[in-house]
Amino acid sequence: MSTSEIPSKSSASFLWVSGAFVGFAALFFLVQALFGKAPVTDPRSPDRLAIKDEVQAEQNALIAKMGLIDETKKAAIFAKAAAELKTRKAAKSAFVVPGSPTQLKQMAEGAPPPPADGAPAAAPVAPAKP
């Protein structure tokens, strides 16, 4: 007896899906070509480009004034800044990373005690009226 093998249909499925994708893309481009509108241009674009050019000119002038155009001067300035940052002590931060030893210690200590009986409770903030 001979065993008959079932041919793999994965390549046929791939071709059908690819064909459907290409077909919808072609249909989309056809509809856009026939019924699509011209792109809208911003009437303020010349003003914005002029402002951008002005800002870039000012930034380039500041970079030249600081001496950052020359690569050797730039490297020296950045090395000096990095050395100064290394000499500074780390400041205590108010941020607590979840799961850190500080956070676990605070969780073990518990919440701060409630205010005394004579102290007024914090009033909720009223929503702003339009």
Protein backbone atom coordinates (compact mmCIF):
# COMPACT_ATOMS: atom_id res chain seq x y z
CA MET A 1 0.00 0.00 0.00
CA SER A 2 1.20 3.47 -0.75
CA THR A 3 0.63 6.31 1.62
CA SER A 4 -0.72 9.48 0.10
CA GLU A 5 0.61 12.69 1.52
CA ILE A 6 -1.55 15.76 1.89
CA PRO A 7 0.13 18.71 0.20
CA SER A 8 0.95 21.65 2.42
CA LYS A 9 -1.44 24.54 2.02
CA SER A 10 0.66 27.08 3.88
CA SER A 11 2.23 28.46 0.70
CA ALA A 12 -1.19 28.77 -0.96
CA SER A 13 -2.57 30.58 2.11
CA PHE A 14 0.40 32.92 2.11
CA LEU A 15 -0.14 33.73 -1.56
CA TRP A 16 -3.86 34.41 -1.01
CA VAL A 17 -3.18 36.71 1.94
CA SER A 18 -0.40 38.51 0.07
CA GLY A 19 -2.63 38.89 -2.97
CA ALA A 20 -5.46 40.30 -0.85
CA PHE A 21 -3.07 42.78 0.77
CA VAL A 22 -1.69 43.95 -2.59
CA GLY A 23 -5.20 44.12 -4.03
CA PHE A 24 -6.48 46.34 -1.24
CA ALA A 25 -3.39 48.55 -1.53
CA ALA A 26 -3.94 48.93 -5.28
CA LEU A 27 -7.62 49.70 -4.69
CA PHE A 28 -6.69 52.31 -2.06
CA PHE A 29 -4.20 54.04 -4.37
CA LEU A 30 -6.71 53.99 -7.24
CA VAL A 31 -9.40 55.61 -5.10
CA GLN A 32 -6.90 58.19 -3.80
CA ALA A 33 -5.77 59.01 -7.34
CA LEU A 34 -9.32 59.49 -8.59
CA PHE A 35 -11.03 61.12 -5.62
CA GLY A 36 -8.22 62.30 -3.35
CA LYS A 37 -7.77 66.00 -2.61
CA ALA A 38 -4.56 67.93 -2.97
CA PRO A 39 -2.63 68.22 0.30
CA VAL A 40 -3.38 71.35 2.29
CA THR A 41 -0.44 73.69 2.69
CA ASP A 42 -0.04 75.78 5.80
CA PRO A 43 -0.24 79.49 4.99
CA ARG A 44 2.08 80.23 7.92
CA SER A 45 4.89 77.99 6.68
CA PRO A 46 7.04 80.83 5.23
CA ASP A 47 6.90 82.65 8.58
CA ARG A 48 7.77 79.48 10.47
CA LEU A 49 10.70 78.74 8.15
CA ALA A 50 11.99 82.29 8.62
CA ILE A 51 11.77 81.94 12.41
CA LYS A 52 13.52 78.55 12.24
CA ASP A 53 16.36 80.03 10.17
CA GLU A 54 16.69 82.93 12.63
CA VAL A 55 16.85 80.58 15.64
CA GLN A 56 19.43 78.35 13.94
CA ALA A 57 21.58 81.38 13.13
CA GLU A 58 21.43 82.53 16.78
CA GLN A 59 22.27 79.03 18.02
CA ASN A 60 25.23 78.79 15.66
CA ALA A 61 26.44 82.20 16.87
CA LEU A 62 26.21 81.05 20.51
CA ILE A 63 28.09 77.83 19.72
CA ALA A 64 30.82 79.84 18.02
CA LYS A 65 30.92 82.29 20.95
CA MET A 66 31.34 79.40 23.41
CA GLY A 67 34.13 77.95 21.30
CA LEU A 68 32.37 74.69 20.58
CA ILE A 69 33.09 74.72 16.85
CA ASP A 70 36.65 73.47 17.32
CA GLU A 71 36.59 69.77 18.25
CA THR A 72 39.60 70.00 20.59
CA LYS A 73 38.08 72.90 22.53
CA LYS A 74 34.77 71.08 22.66
CA ALA A 75 36.40 67.94 24.04
CA ALA A 76 38.28 69.98 26.66
CA ILE A 77 35.11 71.78 27.80
CA PHE A 78 33.14 68.53 28.07
CA ALA A 79 36.00 66.80 29.92
CA LYS A 80 36.14 69.69 32.40
CA ALA A 81 32.36 69.54 32.94
CA ALA A 82 32.47 65.76 33.44
CA ALA A 83 35.31 66.08 35.96
CA GLU A 84 33.36 68.72 37.88
CA LEU A 85 30.27 66.53 37.96
CA LYS A 86 32.30 63.63 39.32
CA THR A 87 33.52 65.74 42.25
CA ARG A 88 30.01 66.69 43.39
CA LYS A 89 28.33 64.69 46.11
CA ALA A 90 25.05 63.01 45.34
CA ALA A 91 22.12 64.90 46.81
CA LYS A 92 19.39 63.15 48.76
CA SER A 93 16.41 62.52 46.56
CA ALA A 94 12.76 62.58 47.59
CA PHE A 95 11.93 59.93 45.00
CA VAL A 96 11.55 56.36 46.18
CA VAL A 97 11.98 53.47 43.76
CA PRO A 98 9.38 50.74 44.27
CA GLY A 99 11.00 47.58 45.62
CA SER A 100 14.12 49.41 46.80
CA PRO A 101 15.43 48.99 50.36
CA THR A 102 14.23 52.52 51.19
CA GLN A 103 10.71 51.73 50.06
CA LEU A 104 10.67 48.43 51.94
CA LYS A 105 11.90 50.20 55.09
CA GLN A 106 9.15 52.81 54.77
CA MET A 107 6.54 50.09 54.30
CA ALA A 108 7.77 48.31 57.45
CA GLU A 109 7.59 51.52 59.50
CA GLY A 110 3.96 52.09 58.50
CA ALA A 111 2.01 55.23 57.71
CA PRO A 112 2.55 58.46 59.65
CA PRO A 113 0.18 59.00 62.59
CA PRO A 114 -3.07 60.88 61.94
CA PRO A 115 -3.27 64.55 62.96
CA ALA A 116 -4.14 65.40 66.57
CA ASP A 117 -7.80 65.81 67.55
CA GLY A 118 -7.53 69.59 67.73
CA ALA A 119 -5.97 69.94 64.30
CA PRO A 120 -8.41 70.57 61.47
CA ALA A 121 -8.61 67.99 58.73
CA ALA A 122 -7.48 69.00 55.30
CA ALA A 123 -10.45 70.31 53.36
CA PRO A 124 -10.99 68.85 49.90
CA VAL A 125 -10.28 71.20 47.06
CA ALA A 126 -13.47 72.44 45.43
CA PRO A 127 -13.62 71.97 41.68
CA ALA A 128 -13.20 75.10 39.60
CA LYS A 129 -16.43 76.58 38.28
CA PRO A 130 -16.41 77.57 34.64
